Amino acid sequence: MKLKTHKSTAKKVKVTKGKKKKFLTKHAGQDHFNARETGKVSRRKRRSQDLSKSDVKNIKRLIPYS
């Protein structure tokens, strides 16, 4: 029986190609209230971040065919 993909997780996580697959997500807190943040923090949040190893284990179960 085929496993179902958790669609909301699949939309929020980007999986890189290659032998060593990385799981990337966006930083939290970029929608509004950004005027109070420093420029350094704003620039840092524009980049994607790697998920921790403990999170990757759960994500692999939710996105089986990635």
Protein backbone atom coordinates (compact mmCIF):
# COMPACT_ATOMS: atom_id res chain seq x y z
CA MET A 1 0.00 0.00 0.00
CA LYS A 2 1.27 3.46 -0.87
CA LEU A 3 1.97 5.94 1.91
CA LYS A 4 0.22 9.30 1.91
CA THR A 5 2.22 12.52 1.83
CA HIS A 6 1.44 15.16 4.46
CA LYS A 7 0.66 18.00 2.04
CA SER A 8 1.07 20.98 4.39
CA THR A 9 4.52 19.75 5.40
CA ALA A 10 5.48 19.15 1.77
CA LYS A 11 4.63 22.78 0.97
CA LYS A 12 6.65 24.19 3.88
CA VAL A 13 9.81 22.10 3.48
CA LYS A 14 12.14 22.17 0.49
CA VAL A 15 14.25 19.05 -0.11
CA THR A 16 17.52 19.51 -1.99
CA LYS A 17 18.69 17.07 -4.64
CA GLY A 18 21.80 14.94 -4.47
CA LYS A 19 23.22 12.23 -2.26
CA LYS A 20 23.00 14.26 0.92
CA LYS A 21 19.44 15.59 1.01
CA LYS A 22 18.97 18.76 3.03
CA PHE A 23 15.62 19.86 4.39
CA LEU A 24 15.18 23.64 4.27
CA THR A 25 12.48 25.87 5.77
CA LYS A 26 11.90 29.61 6.04
CA HIS A 27 12.58 31.51 9.24
CA ALA A 28 9.57 32.28 11.40
CA GLY A 29 8.26 35.79 12.05
CA GLN A 30 8.59 37.52 8.68
CA ASP A 31 4.96 38.47 8.02
CA HIS A 32 4.57 41.69 10.01
CA PHE A 33 6.03 43.74 12.90
CA ASN A 34 9.38 43.87 11.11
CA ALA A 35 10.03 47.59 11.59
CA ARG A 36 11.29 47.01 15.13
CA GLU A 37 13.87 44.43 14.02
CA THR A 38 17.41 45.38 13.15
CA GLY A 39 18.51 45.15 9.54
CA LYS A 40 20.82 42.28 10.41
CA VAL A 41 17.92 40.18 11.72
CA SER A 42 15.72 41.01 8.70
CA ARG A 43 18.44 39.96 6.26
CA ARG A 44 19.10 36.78 8.21
CA LYS A 45 15.42 35.78 8.08
CA ARG A 46 15.32 36.05 4.28
CA ARG A 47 17.55 33.01 3.96
CA SER A 48 16.40 29.43 4.36
CA GLN A 49 17.48 27.45 7.40
CA ASP A 50 18.43 23.79 7.74
CA LEU A 51 16.24 21.62 9.91
CA SER A 52 17.82 19.91 12.91
CA LYS A 53 18.51 16.18 12.79
CA SER A 54 15.71 15.45 15.26
CA ASP A 55 13.20 17.29 13.04
CA VAL A 56 14.45 15.61 9.86
CA LYS A 57 13.57 12.20 11.27
CA ASN A 58 9.92 13.25 11.67
CA ILE A 59 9.79 15.09 8.34
CA LYS A 60 11.02 12.01 6.44
CA ARG A 61 8.05 10.10 7.82
CA LEU A 62 5.62 12.82 6.69
CA ILE A 63 7.16 13.17 3.19
CA PRO A 64 7.94 9.55 2.28
CA TYR A 65 8.76 9.92 -1.44
CA SER A 66 11.10 12.91 -1.30
